[in-house]
Amino acid sequence: LLLGREYPQQWPAMRTAVWMAELDHVHAQVNVEEWIMGKP
């Protein structure tokens, strides 16, 4: 509505931004290798 035009048929992949608190103390407690961000 603000652009005044239709969207293209092919749109770039959706980007996301992640915010979280300091993780050092949690890393030390649980020996984490990778965070899984959760449900879709």
PDB file of all heavy atoms in Angstrom:
ATOM      1  N   LEU A   1       0.823  -1.206   0.000  1.00  0.00           N
ATOM      2  CA  LEU A   1       0.000   0.000   0.000  1.00  0.00           C
ATOM      3  C   LEU A   1       0.860   1.260   0.000  1.00  0.00           C
ATOM      4  O   LEU A   1       0.518   2.262  -0.621  1.00  0.00           O
ATOM      5  CB  LEU A   1      -0.926  -0.002   1.216  1.00  0.00           C
ATOM      6  CG  LEU A   1      -1.961   1.120   1.303  1.00  0.00           C
ATOM      7  CD1 LEU A   1      -2.992   0.985   0.182  1.00  0.00           C
ATOM      8  CD2 LEU A   1      -2.659   1.104   2.660  1.00  0.00           C
ATOM      9  N   LEU A   2       1.993   1.206   0.681  1.00  0.00           N
ATOM     10  CA  LEU A   2       2.902   2.354   0.719  1.00  0.00           C
ATOM     11  C   LEU A   2       3.768   2.429  -0.530  1.00  0.00           C
ATOM     12  O   LEU A   2       4.160   3.517  -0.950  1.00  0.00           O
ATOM     13  CB  LEU A   2       3.791   2.278   1.962  1.00  0.00           C
ATOM     14  CG  LEU A   2       3.086   2.303   3.315  1.00  0.00           C
ATOM     15  CD1 LEU A   2       4.108   2.271   4.442  1.00  0.00           C
ATOM     16  CD2 LEU A   2       2.207   3.556   3.446  1.00  0.00           C
ATOM     17  N   LEU A   3       4.079   1.270  -1.108  1.00  0.00           N
ATOM     18  CA  LEU A   3       4.920   1.265  -2.308  1.00  0.00           C
ATOM     19  C   LEU A   3       4.141   1.662  -3.558  1.00  0.00           C
ATOM     20  O   LEU A   3       4.729   2.107  -4.538  1.00  0.00           O
ATOM     21  CB  LEU A   3       5.514  -0.128  -2.517  1.00  0.00           C
ATOM     22  CG  LEU A   3       6.460  -0.638  -1.434  1.00  0.00           C
ATOM     23  CD1 LEU A   3       6.901  -2.066  -1.740  1.00  0.00           C
ATOM     24  CD2 LEU A   3       7.669   0.267  -1.294  1.00  0.00           C
ATOM     25  N   GLY A   4       2.815   1.459  -3.521  1.00  0.00           N
ATOM     26  CA  GLY A   4       1.999   1.791  -4.685  1.00  0.00           C
ATOM     27  C   GLY A   4       2.209   0.861  -5.855  1.00  0.00           C
ATOM     28  O   GLY A   4       2.031   1.250  -7.006  1.00  0.00           O
ATOM     29  N   ARG A   5       2.592  -0.386  -5.583  1.00  0.00           N
ATOM     30  CA  ARG A   5       2.811  -1.343  -6.664  1.00  0.00           C
ATOM     31  C   ARG A   5       2.622  -2.748  -6.125  1.00  0.00           C
ATOM     32  O   ARG A   5       2.569  -2.976  -4.915  1.00  0.00           O
ATOM     33  CB  ARG A   5       4.209  -1.204  -7.255  1.00  0.00           C
ATOM     34  CG  ARG A   5       5.342  -1.437  -6.256  1.00  0.00           C
ATOM     35  CD  ARG A   5       6.693  -1.363  -6.941  1.00  0.00           C
ATOM     36  NE  ARG A   5       7.802  -1.425  -6.019  1.00  0.00           N
ATOM     37  CZ  ARG A   5       8.285  -2.552  -5.489  1.00  0.00           C
ATOM     38  NH1 ARG A   5       7.726  -3.703  -5.788  1.00  0.00           N
ATOM     39  NH2 ARG A   5       9.308  -2.524  -4.670  1.00  0.00           N
ATOM     40  N   GLU A   6       2.527  -3.708  -7.046  1.00  0.00           N
ATOM     41  CA  GLU A   6       2.404  -5.103  -6.660  1.00  0.00           C
ATOM     42  C   GLU A   6       3.765  -5.655  -6.242  1.00  0.00           C
ATOM     43  O   GLU A   6       4.811  -5.171  -6.681  1.00  0.00           O
ATOM     44  CB  GLU A   6       1.860  -5.927  -7.834  1.00  0.00           C
ATOM     45  CG  GLU A   6       0.459  -5.548  -8.260  1.00  0.00           C
ATOM     46  CD  GLU A   6      -0.572  -5.945  -7.227  1.00  0.00           C
ATOM     47  OE1 GLU A   6      -0.313  -6.918  -6.491  1.00  0.00           O
ATOM     48  OE2 GLU A   6      -1.617  -5.276  -7.154  1.00  0.00           O
ATOM     49  N   TYR A   7       3.731  -6.699  -5.433  1.00  0.00           N
ATOM     50  CA  TYR A   7       4.967  -7.396  -5.112  1.00  0.00           C
ATOM     51  C   TYR A   7       5.420  -8.222  -6.307  1.00  0.00           C
ATOM     52  O   TYR A   7       4.598  -8.710  -7.079  1.00  0.00           O
ATOM     53  CB  TYR A   7       4.763  -8.341  -3.929  1.00  0.00           C
ATOM     54  CG  TYR A   7       4.873  -7.658  -2.590  1.00  0.00           C
ATOM     55  CD1 TYR A   7       3.810  -7.670  -1.698  1.00  0.00           C
ATOM     56  CD2 TYR A   7       6.044  -7.014  -2.220  1.00  0.00           C
ATOM     57  CE1 TYR A   7       3.906  -7.048  -0.469  1.00  0.00           C
ATOM     58  CE2 TYR A   7       6.151  -6.383  -0.993  1.00  0.00           C
ATOM     59  CZ  TYR A   7       5.081  -6.414  -0.123  1.00  0.00           C
ATOM     60  OH  TYR A   7       5.184  -5.804   1.090  1.00  0.00           O
ATOM     61  N   PRO A   8       6.723  -8.413  -6.443  1.00  0.00           N
ATOM     62  CA  PRO A   8       7.203  -9.303  -7.509  1.00  0.00           C
ATOM     63  C   PRO A   8       6.840 -10.748  -7.202  1.00  0.00           C
ATOM     64  O   PRO A   8       6.604 -11.109  -6.048  1.00  0.00           O
ATOM     65  CB  PRO A   8       8.730  -9.107  -7.468  1.00  0.00           C
ATOM     66  CG  PRO A   8       9.011  -8.647  -6.073  1.00  0.00           C
ATOM     67  CD  PRO A   8       7.824  -7.821  -5.669  1.00  0.00           C
ATOM     68  N   GLN A   9       6.782 -11.584  -8.220  1.00  0.00           N
ATOM     69  CA  GLN A   9       6.463 -12.990  -8.023  1.00  0.00           C
ATOM     70  C   GLN A   9       7.552 -13.704  -7.222  1.00  0.00           C
ATOM     71  O   GLN A   9       7.267 -14.583  -6.430  1.00  0.00           O
ATOM     72  CB  GLN A   9       6.266 -13.675  -9.380  1.00  0.00           C
ATOM     73  CG  GLN A   9       5.009 -13.245 -10.115  1.00  0.00           C
ATOM     74  CD  GLN A   9       3.752 -13.573  -9.326  1.00  0.00           C
ATOM     75  OE1 GLN A   9       3.602 -14.679  -8.821  1.00  0.00           O
ATOM     76  NE2 GLN A   9       2.862 -12.599  -9.208  1.00  0.00           N
ATOM     77  N   GLN A  10       8.789 -13.321  -7.438  1.00  0.00           N
ATOM     78  CA  GLN A  10       9.887 -13.928  -6.704  1.00  0.00           C
ATOM     79  C   GLN A  10      10.441 -12.908  -5.717  1.00  0.00           C
ATOM     80  O   GLN A  10      11.017 -11.905  -6.112  1.00  0.00           O
ATOM     81  CB  GLN A  10      10.995 -14.389  -7.671  1.00  0.00           C
ATOM     82  CG  GLN A  10      10.560 -15.455  -8.662  1.00  0.00           C
ATOM     83  CD  GLN A  10      10.164 -16.734  -7.957  1.00  0.00           C
ATOM     84  OE1 GLN A  10      10.774 -17.125  -6.960  1.00  0.00           O
ATOM     85  NE2 GLN A  10       9.145 -17.407  -8.475  1.00  0.00           N
ATOM     86  N   TRP A  11      10.235 -13.186  -4.424  1.00  0.00           N
ATOM     87  CA  TRP A  11      10.712 -12.266  -3.391  1.00  0.00           C
ATOM     88  C   TRP A  11      11.907 -12.896  -2.680  1.00  0.00           C
ATOM     89  O   TRP A  11      11.944 -14.109  -2.493  1.00  0.00           O
ATOM     90  CB  TRP A  11       9.595 -11.978  -2.386  1.00  0.00           C
ATOM     91  CG  TRP A  11       9.878 -10.767  -1.567  1.00  0.00           C
ATOM     92  CD1 TRP A  11      10.439 -10.728  -0.326  1.00  0.00           C
ATOM     93  CD2 TRP A  11       9.645  -9.408  -1.935  1.00  0.00           C
ATOM     94  NE1 TRP A  11      10.561  -9.430   0.101  1.00  0.00           N
ATOM     95  CE2 TRP A  11      10.087  -8.608  -0.870  1.00  0.00           C
ATOM     96  CE3 TRP A  11       9.112  -8.784  -3.074  1.00  0.00           C
ATOM     97  CZ2 TRP A  11      10.004  -7.222  -0.897  1.00  0.00           C
ATOM     98  CZ3 TRP A  11       9.035  -7.413  -3.087  1.00  0.00           C
ATOM     99  CH2 TRP A  11       9.468  -6.635  -2.017  1.00  0.00           C
ATOM    100  N   PRO A  12      12.893 -12.115  -2.292  1.00  0.00           N
ATOM    101  CA  PRO A  12      14.042 -12.702  -1.588  1.00  0.00           C
ATOM    102  C   PRO A  12      13.607 -13.437  -0.326  1.00  0.00           C
ATOM    103  O   PRO A  12      12.550 -13.170   0.230  1.00  0.00           O
ATOM    104  CB  PRO A  12      14.904 -11.467  -1.246  1.00  0.00           C
ATOM    105  CG  PRO A  12      14.481 -10.429  -2.226  1.00  0.00           C
ATOM    106  CD  PRO A  12      13.026 -10.672  -2.494  1.00  0.00           C
ATOM    107  N   ALA A  13      14.430 -14.348   0.134  1.00  0.00           N
ATOM    108  CA  ALA A  13      14.129 -15.119   1.332  1.00  0.00           C
ATOM    109  C   ALA A  13      13.907 -14.190   2.522  1.00  0.00           C
ATOM    110  O   ALA A  13      14.564 -13.147   2.653  1.00  0.00           O
ATOM    111  CB  ALA A  13      15.270 -16.092   1.635  1.00  0.00           C
ATOM    112  N   MET A  14      12.968 -14.566   3.386  1.00  0.00           N
ATOM    113  CA  MET A  14      12.653 -13.759   4.558  1.00  0.00           C
ATOM    114  C   MET A  14      13.852 -13.684   5.497  1.00  0.00           C
ATOM    115  O   MET A  14      14.456 -14.693   5.834  1.00  0.00           O
ATOM    116  CB  MET A  14      11.461 -14.382   5.283  1.00  0.00           C
ATOM    117  CG  MET A  14      11.054 -13.638   6.553  1.00  0.00           C
ATOM    118  SD  MET A  14      10.457 -11.968   6.221  1.00  0.00           S
ATOM    119  CE  MET A  14       8.932 -12.326   5.337  1.00  0.00           C
ATOM    120  N   ARG A  15      14.197 -12.472   5.909  1.00  0.00           N
ATOM    121  CA  ARG A  15      15.277 -12.281   6.866  1.00  0.00           C
ATOM    122  C   ARG A  15      14.700 -12.172   8.270  1.00  0.00           C
ATOM    123  O   ARG A  15      13.574 -11.748   8.456  1.00  0.00           O
ATOM    124  CB  ARG A  15      16.065 -11.012   6.543  1.00  0.00           C
ATOM    125  CG  ARG A  15      16.769 -11.040   5.201  1.00  0.00           C
ATOM    126  CD  ARG A  15      17.574  -9.784   4.983  1.00  0.00           C
ATOM    127  NE  ARG A  15      16.733  -8.588   4.987  1.00  0.00           N
ATOM    128  CZ  ARG A  15      16.880  -7.570   5.820  1.00  0.00           C
ATOM    129  NH1 ARG A  15      17.808  -7.592   6.750  1.00  0.00           N
ATOM    130  NH2 ARG A  15      16.092  -6.518   5.744  1.00  0.00           N
ATOM    131  N   THR A  16      15.493 -12.549   9.278  1.00  0.00           N
ATOM    132  CA  THR A  16      15.060 -12.426  10.658  1.00  0.00           C
ATOM    133  C   THR A  16      16.173 -11.780  11.468  1.00  0.00           C
ATOM    134  O   THR A  16      17.333 -11.753  11.065  1.00  0.00           O
ATOM    135  CB  THR A  16      14.713 -13.789  11.275  1.00  0.00           C
ATOM    136  OG1 THR A  16      15.874 -14.618  11.240  1.00  0.00           O
ATOM    137  CG2 THR A  16      13.566 -14.464  10.534  1.00  0.00           C
ATOM    138  N   ALA A  17      15.792 -11.258  12.622  1.00  0.00           N
ATOM    139  CA  ALA A  17      16.756 -10.719  13.579  1.00  0.00           C
ATOM    140  C   ALA A  17      16.545 -11.423  14.908  1.00  0.00           C
ATOM    141  O   ALA A  17      15.412 -11.738  15.281  1.00  0.00           O
ATOM    142  CB  ALA A  17      16.565  -9.210  13.739  1.00  0.00           C
ATOM    143  N   VAL A  18      17.632 -11.682  15.619  1.00  0.00           N
ATOM    144  CA  VAL A  18      17.568 -12.408  16.885  1.00  0.00           C
ATOM    145  C   VAL A  18      18.153 -11.538  17.983  1.00  0.00           C
ATOM    146  O   VAL A  18      19.214 -10.937  17.824  1.00  0.00           O
ATOM    147  CB  VAL A  18      18.362 -13.737  16.809  1.00  0.00           C
ATOM    148  CG1 VAL A  18      18.299 -14.478  18.136  1.00  0.00           C
ATOM    149  CG2 VAL A  18      17.841 -14.606  15.683  1.00  0.00           C
ATOM    150  N   TRP A  19      17.415 -11.464  19.096  1.00  0.00           N
ATOM    151  CA  TRP A  19      17.907 -10.797  20.293  1.00  0.00           C
ATOM    152  C   TRP A  19      17.874 -11.789  21.435  1.00  0.00           C
ATOM    153  O   TRP A  19      16.909 -12.535  21.595  1.00  0.00           O
ATOM    154  CB  TRP A  19      17.040  -9.598  20.670  1.00  0.00           C
ATOM    155  CG  TRP A  19      17.090  -8.475  19.703  1.00  0.00           C
ATOM    156  CD1 TRP A  19      17.914  -7.388  19.723  1.00  0.00           C
ATOM    157  CD2 TRP A  19      16.248  -8.294  18.558  1.00  0.00           C
ATOM    158  NE1 TRP A  19      17.649  -6.559  18.664  1.00  0.00           N
ATOM    159  CE2 TRP A  19      16.630  -7.090  17.932  1.00  0.00           C
ATOM    160  CE3 TRP A  19      15.212  -9.037  17.998  1.00  0.00           C
ATOM    161  CZ2 TRP A  19      16.010  -6.610  16.784  1.00  0.00           C
ATOM    162  CZ3 TRP A  19      14.594  -8.576  16.855  1.00  0.00           C
ATOM    163  CH2 TRP A  19      14.997  -7.379  16.263  1.00  0.00           C
ATOM    164  N   MET A  20      18.921 -11.808  22.256  1.00  0.00           N
ATOM    165  CA  MET A  20      18.887 -12.620  23.473  1.00  0.00           C
ATOM    166  C   MET A  20      19.904 -12.063  24.457  1.00  0.00           C
ATOM    167  O   MET A  20      20.794 -11.285  24.102  1.00  0.00           O
ATOM    168  CB  MET A  20      19.155 -14.092  23.192  1.00  0.00           C
ATOM    169  CG  MET A  20      20.512 -14.437  22.654  1.00  0.00           C
ATOM    170  SD  MET A  20      20.747 -16.234  22.548  1.00  0.00           S
ATOM    171  CE  MET A  20      19.569 -16.661  21.290  1.00  0.00           C
ATOM    172  N   ALA A  21      19.752 -12.450  25.720  1.00  0.00           N
ATOM    173  CA  ALA A  21      20.634 -11.981  26.772  1.00  0.00           C
ATOM    174  C   ALA A  21      21.996 -12.665  26.679  1.00  0.00           C
ATOM    175  O   ALA A  21      22.218 -13.565  25.866  1.00  0.00           O
ATOM    176  CB  ALA A  21      19.989 -12.251  28.133  1.00  0.00           C
ATOM    177  N   GLU A  22      22.908 -12.256  27.549  1.00  0.00           N
ATOM    178  CA  GLU A  22      24.231 -12.858  27.606  1.00  0.00           C
ATOM    179  C   GLU A  22      24.119 -14.356  27.882  1.00  0.00           C
ATOM    180  O   GLU A  22      23.364 -14.796  28.745  1.00  0.00           O
ATOM    181  CB  GLU A  22      25.058 -12.186  28.715  1.00  0.00           C
ATOM    182  CG  GLU A  22      26.429 -12.770  28.917  1.00  0.00           C
ATOM    183  CD  GLU A  22      27.250 -12.737  27.647  1.00  0.00           C
ATOM    184  OE1 GLU A  22      27.363 -11.676  27.031  1.00  0.00           O
ATOM    185  OE2 GLU A  22      27.775 -13.808  27.275  1.00  0.00           O
ATOM    186  N   LEU A  23      24.879 -15.166  27.146  1.00  0.00           N
ATOM    187  CA  LEU A  23      24.718 -16.616  27.219  1.00  0.00           C
ATOM    188  C   LEU A  23      25.882 -17.333  27.898  1.00  0.00           C
ATOM    189  O   LEU A  23      25.827 -18.552  28.083  1.00  0.00           O
ATOM    190  CB  LEU A  23      24.558 -17.191  25.808  1.00  0.00           C
ATOM    191  CG  LEU A  23      23.384 -16.669  24.986  1.00  0.00           C
ATOM    192  CD1 LEU A  23      23.406 -17.308  23.605  1.00  0.00           C
ATOM    193  CD2 LEU A  23      22.071 -16.972  25.677  1.00  0.00           C
ATOM    194  N   ASP A  24      26.923 -16.622  28.294  1.00  0.00           N
ATOM    195  CA  ASP A  24      28.111 -17.309  28.791  1.00  0.00           C
ATOM    196  C   ASP A  24      27.802 -18.208  29.977  1.00  0.00           C
ATOM    197  O   ASP A  24      28.279 -19.352  30.063  1.00  0.00           O
ATOM    198  CB  ASP A  24      29.182 -16.286  29.189  1.00  0.00           C
ATOM    199  CG  ASP A  24      29.808 -15.621  27.971  1.00  0.00           C
ATOM    200  OD1 ASP A  24      29.600 -16.143  26.852  1.00  0.00           O
ATOM    201  OD2 ASP A  24      30.499 -14.604  28.134  1.00  0.00           O
ATOM    202  N   HIS A  25      26.989 -17.706  30.933  1.00  0.00           N
ATOM    203  CA  HIS A  25      26.722 -18.499  32.127  1.00  0.00           C
ATOM    204  C   HIS A  25      25.902 -19.737  31.789  1.00  0.00           C
ATOM    205  O   HIS A  25      26.082 -20.799  32.387  1.00  0.00           O
ATOM    206  CB  HIS A  25      25.997 -17.660  33.181  1.00  0.00           C
ATOM    207  CG  HIS A  25      24.614 -17.236  32.791  1.00  0.00           C
ATOM    208  ND1 HIS A  25      24.375 -16.289  31.825  1.00  0.00           N
ATOM    209  CD2 HIS A  25      23.395 -17.664  33.227  1.00  0.00           C
ATOM    210  CE1 HIS A  25      23.066 -16.136  31.691  1.00  0.00           C
ATOM    211  NE2 HIS A  25      22.445 -16.950  32.520  1.00  0.00           N
ATOM    212  N   VAL A  26      25.005 -19.626  30.790  1.00  0.00           N
ATOM    213  CA  VAL A  26      24.203 -20.783  30.397  1.00  0.00           C
ATOM    214  C   VAL A  26      25.076 -21.785  29.641  1.00  0.00           C
ATOM    215  O   VAL A  26      24.962 -22.991  29.840  1.00  0.00           O
ATOM    216  CB  VAL A  26      23.001 -20.351  29.545  1.00  0.00           C
ATOM    217  CG1 VAL A  26      22.143 -21.554  29.193  1.00  0.00           C
ATOM    218  CG2 VAL A  26      22.167 -19.311  30.292  1.00  0.00           C
ATOM    219  N   HIS A  27      25.943 -21.285  28.769  1.00  0.00           N
ATOM    220  CA  HIS A  27      26.879 -22.171  28.071  1.00  0.00           C
ATOM    221  C   HIS A  27      27.678 -22.996  29.078  1.00  0.00           C
ATOM    222  O   HIS A  27      27.854 -24.210  28.915  1.00  0.00           O
ATOM    223  CB  HIS A  27      27.850 -21.342  27.224  1.00  0.00           C
ATOM    224  CG  HIS A  27      27.340 -21.023  25.861  1.00  0.00           C
ATOM    225  ND1 HIS A  27      27.354 -21.928  24.827  1.00  0.00           N
ATOM    226  CD2 HIS A  27      26.790 -19.891  25.350  1.00  0.00           C
ATOM    227  CE1 HIS A  27      26.845 -21.366  23.739  1.00  0.00           C
ATOM    228  NE2 HIS A  27      26.485 -20.137  24.040  1.00  0.00           N
ATOM    229  N   ALA A  28      28.168 -22.338  30.125  1.00  0.00           N
ATOM    230  CA  ALA A  28      28.992 -23.026  31.107  1.00  0.00           C
ATOM    231  C   ALA A  28      28.196 -24.088  31.860  1.00  0.00           C
ATOM    232  O   ALA A  28      28.709 -25.155  32.181  1.00  0.00           O
ATOM    233  CB  ALA A  28      29.576 -22.011  32.086  1.00  0.00           C
ATOM    234  N   GLN A  29      26.936 -23.820  32.133  1.00  0.00           N
ATOM    235  CA  GLN A  29      26.119 -24.745  32.917  1.00  0.00           C
ATOM    236  C   GLN A  29      25.740 -25.993  32.119  1.00  0.00           C
ATOM    237  O   GLN A  29      25.749 -27.099  32.647  1.00  0.00           O
ATOM    238  CB  GLN A  29      24.843 -24.051  33.397  1.00  0.00           C
ATOM    239  CG  GLN A  29      25.074 -23.019  34.484  1.00  0.00           C
ATOM    240  CD  GLN A  29      23.765 -22.346  34.880  1.00  0.00           C
ATOM    241  OE1 GLN A  29      22.679 -22.804  34.539  1.00  0.00           O
ATOM    242  NE2 GLN A  29      23.870 -21.242  35.591  1.00  0.00           N
ATOM    243  N   VAL A  30      25.376 -25.813  30.867  1.00  0.00           N
ATOM    244  CA  VAL A  30      24.793 -26.943  30.127  1.00  0.00           C
ATOM    245  C   VAL A  30      25.696 -27.463  29.014  1.00  0.00           C
ATOM    246  O   VAL A  30      25.332 -28.407  28.326  1.00  0.00           O
ATOM    247  CB  VAL A  30      23.421 -26.548  29.536  1.00  0.00           C
ATOM    248  CG1 VAL A  30      22.470 -26.132  30.631  1.00  0.00           C
ATOM    249  CG2 VAL A  30      23.564 -25.447  28.487  1.00  0.00           C
ATOM    250  N   ASN A  31      26.873 -26.867  28.819  1.00  0.00           N
ATOM    251  CA  ASN A  31      27.824 -27.346  27.804  1.00  0.00           C
ATOM    252  C   ASN A  31      27.164 -27.425  26.433  1.00  0.00           C
ATOM    253  O   ASN A  31      27.173 -28.466  25.765  1.00  0.00           O
ATOM    254  CB  ASN A  31      28.381 -28.714  28.207  1.00  0.00           C
ATOM    255  CG  ASN A  31      29.529 -29.154  27.309  1.00  0.00           C
ATOM    256  OD1 ASN A  31      30.262 -28.327  26.762  1.00  0.00           O
ATOM    257  ND2 ASN A  31      29.689 -30.465  27.145  1.00  0.00           N
ATOM    258  N   VAL A  32      26.579 -26.311  26.017  1.00  0.00           N
ATOM    259  CA  VAL A  32      25.788 -26.295  24.796  1.00  0.00           C
ATOM    260  C   VAL A  32      26.697 -26.201  23.564  1.00  0.00           C
ATOM    261  O   VAL A  32      27.705 -25.509  23.572  1.00  0.00           O
ATOM    262  CB  VAL A  32      24.794 -25.114  24.816  1.00  0.00           C
ATOM    263  CG1 VAL A  32      25.531 -23.788  24.925  1.00  0.00           C
ATOM    264  CG2 VAL A  32      23.908 -25.122  23.588  1.00  0.00           C
ATOM    265  N   GLU A  33      26.331 -26.946  22.523  1.00  0.00           N
ATOM    266  CA  GLU A  33      27.029 -26.857  21.244  1.00  0.00           C
ATOM    267  C   GLU A  33      26.305 -25.925  20.280  1.00  0.00           C
ATOM    268  O   GLU A  33      26.929 -25.229  19.495  1.00  0.00           O
ATOM    269  CB  GLU A  33      27.121 -28.256  20.611  1.00  0.00           C
ATOM    270  CG  GLU A  33      27.944 -29.246  21.421  1.00  0.00           C
ATOM    271  CD  GLU A  33      27.830 -30.653  20.867  1.00  0.00           C
ATOM    272  OE1 GLU A  33      27.130 -30.840  19.843  1.00  0.00           O
ATOM    273  OE2 GLU A  33      28.435 -31.570  21.453  1.00  0.00           O
ATOM    274  N   GLU A  34      24.974 -25.948  20.319  1.00  0.00           N
ATOM    275  CA  GLU A  34      24.169 -25.159  19.385  1.00  0.00           C
ATOM    276  C   GLU A  34      22.820 -24.866  20.017  1.00  0.00           C
ATOM    277  O   GLU A  34      22.234 -25.716  20.682  1.00  0.00           O
ATOM    278  CB  GLU A  34      23.968 -25.939  18.075  1.00  0.00           C
ATOM    279  CG  GLU A  34      23.117 -25.217  17.036  1.00  0.00           C
ATOM    280  CD  GLU A  34      22.826 -26.104  15.836  1.00  0.00           C
ATOM    281  OE1 GLU A  34      23.323 -27.244  15.807  1.00  0.00           O
ATOM    282  OE2 GLU A  34      22.098 -25.656  14.946  1.00  0.00           O
ATOM    283  N   TRP A  35      22.333 -23.637  19.808  1.00  0.00           N
ATOM    284  CA  TRP A  35      20.998 -23.276  20.250  1.00  0.00           C
ATOM    285  C   TRP A  35      19.997 -23.618  19.155  1.00  0.00           C
ATOM    286  O   TRP A  35      20.217 -23.325  17.984  1.00  0.00           O
ATOM    287  CB  TRP A  35      20.914 -21.772  20.545  1.00  0.00           C
ATOM    288  CG  TRP A  35      21.758 -21.359  21.701  1.00  0.00           C
ATOM    289  CD1 TRP A  35      23.034 -20.878  21.660  1.00  0.00           C
ATOM    290  CD2 TRP A  35      21.405 -21.414  23.073  1.00  0.00           C
ATOM    291  NE1 TRP A  35      23.499 -20.635  22.920  1.00  0.00           N
ATOM    292  CE2 TRP A  35      22.514 -20.951  23.815  1.00  0.00           C
ATOM    293  CE3 TRP A  35      20.261 -21.809  23.751  1.00  0.00           C
ATOM    294  CZ2 TRP A  35      22.509 -20.866  25.199  1.00  0.00           C
ATOM    295  CZ3 TRP A  35      20.245 -21.728  25.140  1.00  0.00           C
ATOM    296  CH2 TRP A  35      21.364 -21.272  25.840  1.00  0.00           C
ATOM    297  N   ILE A  36      18.873 -24.224  19.544  1.00  0.00           N
ATOM    298  CA  ILE A  36      17.764 -24.495  18.630  1.00  0.00           C
ATOM    299  C   ILE A  36      16.676 -23.484  18.969  1.00  0.00           C
ATOM    300  O   ILE A  36      16.172 -23.456  20.096  1.00  0.00           O
ATOM    301  CB  ILE A  36      17.224 -25.929  18.775  1.00  0.00           C
ATOM    302  CG1 ILE A  36      18.385 -26.942  18.706  1.00  0.00           C
ATOM    303  CG2 ILE A  36      16.168 -26.214  17.721  1.00  0.00           C
ATOM    304  CD1 ILE A  36      19.133 -26.941  17.397  1.00  0.00           C
ATOM    305  N   MET A  37      16.311 -22.649  17.998  1.00  0.00           N
ATOM    306  CA  MET A  37      15.464 -21.497  18.311  1.00  0.00           C
ATOM    307  C   MET A  37      14.007 -21.845  18.567  1.00  0.00           C
ATOM    308  O   MET A  37      13.250 -21.015  19.010  1.00  0.00           O
ATOM    309  CB  MET A  37      15.553 -20.459  17.189  1.00  0.00           C
ATOM    310  CG  MET A  37      16.893 -19.762  17.124  1.00  0.00           C
ATOM    311  SD  MET A  37      17.292 -18.871  18.639  1.00  0.00           S
ATOM    312  CE  MET A  37      16.049 -17.590  18.613  1.00  0.00           C
ATOM    313  N   GLY A  38      13.575 -23.072  18.309  1.00  0.00           N
ATOM    314  CA  GLY A  38      12.237 -23.440  18.731  1.00  0.00           C
ATOM    315  C   GLY A  38      11.276 -23.696  17.594  1.00  0.00           C
ATOM    316  O   GLY A  38      11.656 -24.020  16.478  1.00  0.00           O
ATOM    317  N   LYS A  39       9.972 -23.547  17.899  1.00  0.00           N
ATOM    318  CA  LYS A  39       8.912 -23.933  16.981  1.00  0.00           C
ATOM    319  C   LYS A  39       8.751 -22.921  15.850  1.00  0.00           C
ATOM    320  O   LYS A  39       9.029 -21.737  16.020  1.00  0.00           O
ATOM    321  CB  LYS A  39       7.593 -24.035  17.744  1.00  0.00           C
ATOM    322  CG  LYS A  39       7.611 -25.036  18.883  1.00  0.00           C
ATOM    323  CD  LYS A  39       6.286 -25.009  19.624  1.00  0.00           C
ATOM    324  CE  LYS A  39       6.294 -25.985  20.801  1.00  0.00           C
ATOM    325  NZ  LYS A  39       5.021 -25.933  21.555  1.00  0.00           N
ATOM    326  N   PRO A  40       8.263 -23.381  14.691  1.00  0.00           N
ATOM    327  CA  PRO A  40       7.896 -22.431  13.630  1.00  0.00           C
ATOM    328  C   PRO A  40       6.744 -21.535  14.081  1.00  0.00           C
ATOM    329  O   PRO A  40       5.969 -21.899  14.963  1.00  0.00           O
ATOM    330  CB  PRO A  40       7.456 -23.347  12.478  1.00  0.00           C
ATOM    331  CG  PRO A  40       8.006 -24.687  12.810  1.00  0.00           C
ATOM    332  CD  PRO A  40       8.064 -24.771  14.303  1.00  0.00           C
TER     333      PRO A  40
END
